[in-house]
Amino acid sequence: MKCPGISIIVPIYNGAAYLSETIESLLSQTFSDFELLAIDDGSTDNSSEIVRSFDDERIRLIEKENGGLCDALNVGIAEAKAPWVARCDQDDISFPERLERQLRVMKDRSEAIGLFAYTTKFGSRHRWSNADKVVMARGEVKKFEPMKDGCLLGST
């Protein structure tokens, strides 16, 4: 396999409930030059079997003893082959143009060290969006100021 453009790290711990949807959303990206590193952090459910059920050479399953989120992410970073790393939680759904748009922003702004995106939480218990906190045009980029702007979701 040639060096991919992006390494997507998906840390997993007992994530069977939404994992298929997460992987399907990543495999449906308009930017397809990536590797998907599924890091199973000692799950006791069938998370690894779900990952194995996908027949796609871009997916690499790494199974390890439970060490927590940071440990799983560090394993993913160490295993990443691409010059760019994206992360996605086991229960996140990515819009089809996510990677393409984020890579374009990063390449256009060489001074940037990271990128976050707005999110919408949905499901039986919650429905909210942080997109209402700042009014922006589609595709607009805003410089993040941690003291003023607060917390952003790392998996975006």
N, C-alpha and C. Protein backbone atom coordinates (compact mmCIF):
# COMPACT_ATOMS: atom_id res chain seq x y z
N MET A 1 0.83 -1.18 0.00
CA MET A 1 0.00 0.00 0.00
C MET A 1 0.88 1.25 0.00
N LYS A 2 0.60 2.19 -0.88
CA LYS A 2 1.36 3.44 -0.92
C LYS A 2 1.02 4.29 0.29
N CYS A 3 1.80 5.30 0.55
CA CYS A 3 1.56 6.18 1.69
C CYS A 3 0.24 6.93 1.46
N PRO A 4 -0.71 6.78 2.39
CA PRO A 4 -2.00 7.46 2.24
C PRO A 4 -1.86 8.95 2.51
N GLY A 5 -2.85 9.72 2.06
CA GLY A 5 -2.85 11.16 2.30
C GLY A 5 -3.23 11.52 3.71
N ILE A 6 -4.11 10.73 4.33
CA ILE A 6 -4.57 10.98 5.69
C ILE A 6 -4.67 9.66 6.44
N SER A 7 -4.28 9.68 7.69
CA SER A 7 -4.52 8.54 8.59
C SER A 7 -5.66 8.94 9.52
N ILE A 8 -6.75 8.18 9.49
CA ILE A 8 -7.88 8.43 10.38
C ILE A 8 -7.76 7.48 11.56
N ILE A 9 -7.73 8.03 12.75
CA ILE A 9 -7.63 7.21 13.96
C ILE A 9 -8.99 7.15 14.63
N VAL A 10 -9.48 5.92 14.81
CA VAL A 10 -10.76 5.71 15.49
C VAL A 10 -10.49 4.86 16.74
N PRO A 11 -10.40 5.51 17.92
CA PRO A 11 -10.24 4.74 19.15
C PRO A 11 -11.57 4.07 19.50
N ILE A 12 -11.50 2.81 19.91
CA ILE A 12 -12.73 2.05 20.17
C ILE A 12 -12.64 1.38 21.54
N TYR A 13 -13.70 1.55 22.31
CA TYR A 13 -13.86 0.78 23.54
C TYR A 13 -15.35 0.47 23.69
N ASN A 14 -15.69 -0.80 23.51
CA ASN A 14 -17.08 -1.25 23.58
C ASN A 14 -17.99 -0.34 22.76
N GLY A 15 -17.63 -0.14 21.52
CA GLY A 15 -18.34 0.80 20.65
C GLY A 15 -19.29 0.17 19.65
N ALA A 16 -19.70 -1.05 19.87
CA ALA A 16 -20.49 -1.79 18.88
C ALA A 16 -21.77 -1.08 18.46
N ALA A 17 -22.38 -0.32 19.35
CA ALA A 17 -23.69 0.28 19.06
C ALA A 17 -23.71 1.14 17.80
N TYR A 18 -22.68 1.94 17.58
CA TYR A 18 -22.68 2.88 16.45
C TYR A 18 -21.49 2.71 15.52
N LEU A 19 -20.64 1.76 15.78
CA LEU A 19 -19.38 1.63 15.05
C LEU A 19 -19.58 1.41 13.56
N SER A 20 -20.54 0.61 13.17
CA SER A 20 -20.78 0.38 11.73
C SER A 20 -21.10 1.68 11.01
N GLU A 21 -21.96 2.50 11.63
CA GLU A 21 -22.33 3.78 11.01
C GLU A 21 -21.12 4.71 10.91
N THR A 22 -20.29 4.69 11.93
CA THR A 22 -19.08 5.52 11.91
C THR A 22 -18.17 5.11 10.76
N ILE A 23 -17.90 3.83 10.65
CA ILE A 23 -17.01 3.33 9.59
C ILE A 23 -17.61 3.58 8.21
N GLU A 24 -18.90 3.35 8.05
CA GLU A 24 -19.56 3.60 6.76
C GLU A 24 -19.42 5.07 6.36
N SER A 25 -19.57 5.98 7.33
CA SER A 25 -19.45 7.41 7.00
C SER A 25 -18.03 7.76 6.57
N LEU A 26 -17.04 7.09 7.13
CA LEU A 26 -15.65 7.35 6.74
C LEU A 26 -15.33 6.73 5.39
N LEU A 27 -15.83 5.55 5.14
CA LEU A 27 -15.58 4.90 3.85
C LEU A 27 -16.30 5.60 2.70
N SER A 28 -17.27 6.45 3.01
CA SER A 28 -18.05 7.18 2.00
C SER A 28 -17.50 8.58 1.74
N GLN A 29 -16.33 8.87 2.21
CA GLN A 29 -15.74 10.20 2.03
C GLN A 29 -15.44 10.48 0.56
N THR A 30 -15.58 11.75 0.16
CA THR A 30 -15.23 12.15 -1.20
C THR A 30 -13.70 12.11 -1.38
N PHE A 31 -12.96 12.30 -0.31
CA PHE A 31 -11.50 12.12 -0.32
C PHE A 31 -11.25 10.69 0.12
N SER A 32 -10.71 9.88 -0.76
CA SER A 32 -10.62 8.44 -0.46
C SER A 32 -9.20 7.94 -0.22
N ASP A 33 -8.20 8.83 -0.29
CA ASP A 33 -6.81 8.42 -0.11
C ASP A 33 -6.45 8.46 1.38
N PHE A 34 -6.96 7.49 2.13
CA PHE A 34 -6.70 7.45 3.56
C PHE A 34 -6.54 6.02 4.04
N GLU A 35 -5.97 5.91 5.23
CA GLU A 35 -6.01 4.65 5.96
C GLU A 35 -6.87 4.89 7.19
N LEU A 36 -7.61 3.89 7.58
CA LEU A 36 -8.46 3.98 8.76
C LEU A 36 -7.88 3.05 9.81
N LEU A 37 -7.35 3.62 10.88
CA LEU A 37 -6.75 2.85 11.96
C LEU A 37 -7.78 2.69 13.07
N ALA A 38 -8.37 1.52 13.16
CA ALA A 38 -9.35 1.21 14.19
C ALA A 38 -8.58 0.62 15.37
N ILE A 39 -8.49 1.37 16.46
CA ILE A 39 -7.71 0.95 17.62
C ILE A 39 -8.66 0.41 18.68
N ASP A 40 -8.77 -0.92 18.77
CA ASP A 40 -9.65 -1.53 19.77
C ASP A 40 -8.90 -1.60 21.09
N ASP A 41 -9.37 -0.80 22.03
CA ASP A 41 -8.71 -0.62 23.32
C ASP A 41 -9.26 -1.60 24.36
N GLY A 42 -9.18 -2.90 24.04
CA GLY A 42 -9.59 -3.93 25.00
C GLY A 42 -11.09 -4.10 25.14
N SER A 43 -11.84 -3.87 24.07
CA SER A 43 -13.29 -4.01 24.12
C SER A 43 -13.69 -5.42 24.53
N THR A 44 -14.81 -5.51 25.26
CA THR A 44 -15.37 -6.81 25.64
C THR A 44 -16.63 -7.12 24.85
N ASP A 45 -17.02 -6.22 23.95
CA ASP A 45 -18.16 -6.48 23.08
C ASP A 45 -17.63 -6.95 21.72
N ASN A 46 -18.43 -6.89 20.68
CA ASN A 46 -18.01 -7.39 19.37
C ASN A 46 -17.48 -6.28 18.45
N SER A 47 -16.88 -5.25 19.03
CA SER A 47 -16.34 -4.14 18.23
C SER A 47 -15.34 -4.61 17.18
N SER A 48 -14.39 -5.47 17.56
CA SER A 48 -13.39 -5.94 16.60
C SER A 48 -14.03 -6.71 15.45
N GLU A 49 -15.04 -7.51 15.75
CA GLU A 49 -15.73 -8.26 14.70
C GLU A 49 -16.44 -7.33 13.72
N ILE A 50 -16.98 -6.24 14.24
CA ILE A 50 -17.63 -5.26 13.37
C ILE A 50 -16.60 -4.66 12.42
N VAL A 51 -15.44 -4.29 12.93
CA VAL A 51 -14.39 -3.73 12.07
C VAL A 51 -13.98 -4.76 11.02
N ARG A 52 -13.80 -6.01 11.43
CA ARG A 52 -13.40 -7.07 10.49
C ARG A 52 -14.46 -7.33 9.42
N SER A 53 -15.71 -6.99 9.68
CA SER A 53 -16.78 -7.27 8.71
C SER A 53 -16.70 -6.37 7.48
N PHE A 54 -15.91 -5.31 7.54
CA PHE A 54 -15.74 -4.42 6.40
C PHE A 54 -14.59 -4.91 5.53
N ASP A 55 -14.87 -5.11 4.26
CA ASP A 55 -13.86 -5.59 3.32
C ASP A 55 -13.29 -4.40 2.56
N ASP A 56 -12.34 -3.73 3.19
CA ASP A 56 -11.73 -2.55 2.59
C ASP A 56 -10.27 -2.51 3.01
N GLU A 57 -9.39 -2.50 2.05
CA GLU A 57 -7.94 -2.57 2.34
C GLU A 57 -7.42 -1.33 3.08
N ARG A 58 -8.20 -0.28 3.12
CA ARG A 58 -7.77 0.93 3.84
C ARG A 58 -7.91 0.80 5.35
N ILE A 59 -8.66 -0.20 5.80
CA ILE A 59 -8.89 -0.38 7.23
C ILE A 59 -7.83 -1.28 7.84
N ARG A 60 -7.28 -0.81 8.94
CA ARG A 60 -6.34 -1.62 9.72
C ARG A 60 -6.82 -1.68 11.16
N LEU A 61 -7.10 -2.88 11.64
CA LEU A 61 -7.53 -3.09 13.02
C LEU A 61 -6.32 -3.37 13.89
N ILE A 62 -6.21 -2.61 14.97
CA ILE A 62 -5.14 -2.82 15.95
C ILE A 62 -5.82 -3.10 17.28
N GLU A 63 -5.61 -4.29 17.81
CA GLU A 63 -6.19 -4.68 19.09
C GLU A 63 -5.13 -4.58 20.17
N LYS A 64 -5.50 -4.01 21.30
CA LYS A 64 -4.57 -3.80 22.40
C LYS A 64 -5.29 -3.95 23.72
N GLU A 65 -4.53 -4.11 24.78
CA GLU A 65 -5.12 -4.12 26.12
C GLU A 65 -5.66 -2.75 26.44
N ASN A 66 -6.68 -2.71 27.29
CA ASN A 66 -7.29 -1.44 27.66
C ASN A 66 -6.27 -0.56 28.37
N GLY A 67 -6.11 0.64 27.83
CA GLY A 67 -5.19 1.60 28.42
C GLY A 67 -5.79 2.99 28.47
N GLY A 68 -7.01 3.13 27.98
CA GLY A 68 -7.66 4.43 27.98
C GLY A 68 -7.53 5.15 26.65
N LEU A 69 -8.31 6.23 26.52
CA LEU A 69 -8.39 6.98 25.27
C LEU A 69 -7.03 7.53 24.82
N CYS A 70 -6.31 8.18 25.71
CA CYS A 70 -5.02 8.77 25.32
C CYS A 70 -4.05 7.71 24.83
N ASP A 71 -4.01 6.57 25.50
CA ASP A 71 -3.13 5.49 25.08
C ASP A 71 -3.53 4.98 23.69
N ALA A 72 -4.82 4.80 23.46
CA ALA A 72 -5.29 4.34 22.14
C ALA A 72 -4.93 5.35 21.06
N LEU A 73 -5.11 6.62 21.34
CA LEU A 73 -4.76 7.65 20.35
C LEU A 73 -3.25 7.67 20.08
N ASN A 74 -2.45 7.51 21.12
CA ASN A 74 -1.00 7.48 20.93
C ASN A 74 -0.57 6.28 20.10
N VAL A 75 -1.21 5.14 20.30
CA VAL A 75 -0.92 3.96 19.46
C VAL A 75 -1.27 4.29 18.01
N GLY A 76 -2.41 4.92 17.80
CA GLY A 76 -2.81 5.30 16.44
C GLY A 76 -1.83 6.25 15.79
N ILE A 77 -1.38 7.24 16.53
CA ILE A 77 -0.41 8.20 16.00
C ILE A 77 0.89 7.49 15.63
N ALA A 78 1.34 6.59 16.49
CA ALA A 78 2.58 5.85 16.22
C ALA A 78 2.45 4.97 14.98
N GLU A 79 1.25 4.45 14.73
CA GLU A 79 1.02 3.56 13.58
C GLU A 79 0.70 4.31 12.29
N ALA A 80 0.35 5.58 12.39
CA ALA A 80 -0.07 6.37 11.23
C ALA A 80 1.04 6.47 10.19
N LYS A 81 0.66 6.29 8.94
CA LYS A 81 1.62 6.37 7.84
C LYS A 81 1.52 7.67 7.04
N ALA A 82 0.45 8.40 7.23
CA ALA A 82 0.19 9.60 6.42
C ALA A 82 0.79 10.85 7.06
N PRO A 83 0.98 11.89 6.26
CA PRO A 83 1.48 13.16 6.80
C PRO A 83 0.41 13.93 7.59
N TRP A 84 -0.85 13.59 7.42
CA TRP A 84 -1.96 14.22 8.12
C TRP A 84 -2.70 13.18 8.94
N VAL A 85 -3.14 13.58 10.13
CA VAL A 85 -3.90 12.69 11.01
C VAL A 85 -5.25 13.32 11.30
N ALA A 86 -6.31 12.53 11.14
CA ALA A 86 -7.66 12.95 11.52
C ALA A 86 -8.14 11.98 12.58
N ARG A 87 -8.99 12.45 13.46
CA ARG A 87 -9.52 11.53 14.45
C ARG A 87 -11.02 11.54 14.39
N CYS A 88 -11.58 10.42 14.76
CA CYS A 88 -13.02 10.25 14.72
C CYS A 88 -13.40 9.30 15.85
N ASP A 89 -14.33 9.69 16.69
CA ASP A 89 -14.76 8.80 17.76
C ASP A 89 -15.61 7.66 17.21
N GLN A 90 -15.76 6.63 18.00
CA GLN A 90 -16.45 5.41 17.59
C GLN A 90 -17.95 5.63 17.35
N ASP A 91 -18.47 6.75 17.79
CA ASP A 91 -19.90 7.02 17.61
C ASP A 91 -20.14 8.31 16.84
N ASP A 92 -19.16 8.74 16.04
CA ASP A 92 -19.29 9.95 15.23
C ASP A 92 -19.67 9.59 13.80
N ILE A 93 -20.49 10.42 13.19
CA ILE A 93 -20.84 10.29 11.79
C ILE A 93 -20.25 11.50 11.08
N SER A 94 -19.45 11.26 10.05
CA SER A 94 -18.82 12.36 9.31
C SER A 94 -19.58 12.62 8.02
N PHE A 95 -19.79 13.90 7.72
CA PHE A 95 -20.37 14.25 6.44
C PHE A 95 -19.41 13.81 5.34
N PRO A 96 -19.93 13.49 4.15
CA PRO A 96 -19.08 12.92 3.07
C PRO A 96 -17.90 13.80 2.65
N GLU A 97 -18.01 15.10 2.78
CA GLU A 97 -16.93 16.00 2.34
C GLU A 97 -15.99 16.41 3.47
N ARG A 98 -16.14 15.80 4.63
CA ARG A 98 -15.35 16.22 5.79
C ARG A 98 -13.85 16.26 5.49
N LEU A 99 -13.28 15.13 5.11
CA LEU A 99 -11.83 15.06 4.92
C LEU A 99 -11.36 15.97 3.80
N GLU A 100 -12.08 15.99 2.71
CA GLU A 100 -11.71 16.83 1.57
C GLU A 100 -11.66 18.30 1.98
N ARG A 101 -12.68 18.76 2.68
CA ARG A 101 -12.73 20.16 3.10
C ARG A 101 -11.66 20.47 4.13
N GLN A 102 -11.46 19.58 5.10
CA GLN A 102 -10.47 19.84 6.14
C GLN A 102 -9.06 19.85 5.58
N LEU A 103 -8.76 18.94 4.68
CA LEU A 103 -7.43 18.92 4.07
C LEU A 103 -7.18 20.18 3.26
N ARG A 104 -8.19 20.65 2.54
CA ARG A 104 -8.05 21.88 1.76
C ARG A 104 -7.74 23.06 2.69
N VAL A 105 -8.44 23.16 3.81
CA VAL A 105 -8.20 24.25 4.76
C VAL A 105 -6.78 24.18 5.29
N MET A 106 -6.33 22.99 5.68
CA MET A 106 -4.99 22.86 6.24
C MET A 106 -3.90 23.19 5.21
N LYS A 107 -4.10 22.77 3.98
CA LYS A 107 -3.10 23.07 2.93
C LYS A 107 -3.09 24.56 2.58
N ASP A 108 -4.25 25.20 2.64
CA ASP A 108 -4.34 26.63 2.31
C ASP A 108 -3.81 27.52 3.43
N ARG A 109 -3.66 26.98 4.63
CA ARG A 109 -3.22 27.77 5.77
C ARG A 109 -2.04 27.08 6.45
N SER A 110 -0.88 27.28 5.88
CA SER A 110 0.31 26.57 6.36
C SER A 110 0.65 26.92 7.81
N GLU A 111 0.15 28.03 8.31
CA GLU A 111 0.43 28.42 9.70
C GLU A 111 -0.43 27.66 10.70
N ALA A 112 -1.49 27.01 10.22
CA ALA A 112 -2.40 26.29 11.12
C ALA A 112 -1.74 25.02 11.67
N ILE A 113 -1.98 24.75 12.95
CA ILE A 113 -1.44 23.54 13.56
C ILE A 113 -2.53 22.50 13.85
N GLY A 114 -3.77 22.89 13.67
CA GLY A 114 -4.88 21.97 13.91
C GLY A 114 -6.16 22.55 13.37
N LEU A 115 -7.18 21.71 13.33
CA LEU A 115 -8.45 22.14 12.77
C LEU A 115 -9.58 21.42 13.52
N PHE A 116 -10.60 22.15 13.89
CA PHE A 116 -11.80 21.60 14.50
C PHE A 116 -12.98 21.97 13.63
N ALA A 117 -14.07 21.25 13.76
CA ALA A 117 -15.27 21.56 13.00
C ALA A 117 -16.46 21.67 13.94
N TYR A 118 -17.49 22.33 13.49
CA TYR A 118 -18.72 22.39 14.27
C TYR A 118 -19.39 21.02 14.27
N THR A 119 -20.17 20.78 15.31
CA THR A 119 -20.80 19.47 15.47
C THR A 119 -22.28 19.62 15.79
N THR A 120 -23.00 18.56 15.51
CA THR A 120 -24.40 18.44 15.93
C THR A 120 -24.54 17.12 16.65
N LYS A 121 -25.05 17.16 17.87
CA LYS A 121 -25.26 15.94 18.62
C LYS A 121 -26.71 15.52 18.42
N PHE A 122 -26.91 14.24 18.11
CA PHE A 122 -28.26 13.75 17.90
C PHE A 122 -28.40 12.39 18.53
N GLY A 123 -29.61 11.94 18.65
CA GLY A 123 -29.87 10.65 19.27
C GLY A 123 -31.09 10.74 20.17
N SER A 124 -31.34 9.70 20.90
CA SER A 124 -32.55 9.64 21.71
C SER A 124 -32.53 10.57 22.91
N ARG A 125 -31.36 10.92 23.39
CA ARG A 125 -31.29 11.74 24.60
C ARG A 125 -31.00 13.22 24.34
N HIS A 126 -30.33 13.53 23.26
CA HIS A 126 -29.89 14.91 23.05
C HIS A 126 -30.03 15.31 21.59
N ARG A 127 -30.20 16.58 21.38
CA ARG A 127 -30.08 17.16 20.05
C ARG A 127 -29.66 18.60 20.25
N TRP A 128 -28.45 18.90 19.88
CA TRP A 128 -27.95 20.26 19.97
C TRP A 128 -26.89 20.47 18.92
N SER A 129 -26.59 21.71 18.70
CA SER A 129 -25.54 22.07 17.74
C SER A 129 -24.72 23.18 18.33
N ASN A 130 -23.42 23.13 18.15
CA ASN A 130 -22.61 24.27 18.59
C ASN A 130 -22.46 25.28 17.47
N ALA A 131 -23.05 25.00 16.31
CA ALA A 131 -22.96 25.91 15.18
C ALA A 131 -23.72 27.21 15.44
N ASP A 132 -24.61 27.24 16.44
CA ASP A 132 -25.36 28.45 16.70
C ASP A 132 -24.58 29.46 17.55
N LYS A 133 -23.42 29.11 18.03
CA LYS A 133 -22.64 29.99 18.88
C LYS A 133 -21.93 31.10 18.10
N VAL A 134 -21.62 30.84 16.85
CA VAL A 134 -20.93 31.80 16.00
C VAL A 134 -21.61 31.77 14.63
N VAL A 135 -21.92 32.93 14.10
CA VAL A 135 -22.53 32.99 12.78
C VAL A 135 -21.41 33.03 11.75
N MET A 136 -21.39 32.02 10.88
CA MET A 136 -20.35 31.93 9.85
C MET A 136 -20.96 31.46 8.55
N ALA A 137 -20.37 31.86 7.45
CA ALA A 137 -20.80 31.39 6.14
C ALA A 137 -20.22 30.00 5.89
N ARG A 138 -20.89 29.20 5.09
CA ARG A 138 -20.41 27.85 4.77
C ARG A 138 -18.99 27.94 4.19
N GLY A 139 -18.09 27.16 4.74
CA GLY A 139 -16.72 27.13 4.27
C GLY A 139 -15.82 28.20 4.86
N GLU A 140 -16.39 29.11 5.64
CA GLU A 140 -15.59 30.15 6.27
C GLU A 140 -14.70 29.54 7.36
N VAL A 141 -13.54 30.11 7.54
CA VAL A 141 -12.60 29.64 8.55
C VAL A 141 -12.45 30.73 9.60
N LYS A 142 -12.47 30.34 10.85
CA LYS A 142 -12.32 31.28 11.96
C LYS A 142 -11.12 30.87 12.79
N LYS A 143 -10.31 31.81 13.15
CA LYS A 143 -9.19 31.53 14.04
C LYS A 143 -9.75 31.24 15.43
N PHE A 144 -9.33 30.14 16.01
CA PHE A 144 -9.81 29.71 17.32
C PHE A 144 -9.02 30.38 18.42
N GLU A 145 -9.71 30.97 19.36
CA GLU A 145 -9.10 31.60 20.51
C GLU A 145 -9.60 30.89 21.76
N PRO A 146 -8.80 29.98 22.34
CA PRO A 146 -9.27 29.13 23.44
C PRO A 146 -9.88 29.88 24.62
N MET A 147 -9.32 30.99 25.01
CA MET A 147 -9.84 31.71 26.17
C MET A 147 -11.21 32.32 25.88
N LYS A 148 -11.44 32.71 24.65
CA LYS A 148 -12.70 33.34 24.27
C LYS A 148 -13.70 32.33 23.74
N ASP A 149 -13.22 31.38 22.96
CA ASP A 149 -14.11 30.47 22.23
C ASP A 149 -14.46 29.20 23.00
N GLY A 150 -13.71 28.88 24.05
CA GLY A 150 -14.04 27.72 24.87
C GLY A 150 -13.62 26.40 24.25
N CYS A 151 -14.32 25.36 24.64
CA CYS A 151 -13.97 23.99 24.30
C CYS A 151 -14.48 23.58 22.92
N LEU A 152 -13.70 22.85 22.20
CA LEU A 152 -14.11 22.27 20.93
C LEU A 152 -13.98 20.76 21.02
N LEU A 153 -14.71 20.05 20.19
CA LEU A 153 -14.70 18.59 20.20
C LEU A 153 -13.49 18.07 19.45
N GLY A 154 -12.59 17.39 20.17
CA GLY A 154 -11.33 16.92 19.59
C GLY A 154 -11.49 15.94 18.46
N SER A 155 -12.60 15.22 18.41
CA SER A 155 -12.75 14.19 17.37
C SER A 155 -13.23 14.76 16.04
N THR A 156 -13.32 16.09 15.93
CA THR A 156 -13.73 16.68 14.66
C THR A 156 -12.52 17.06 13.82
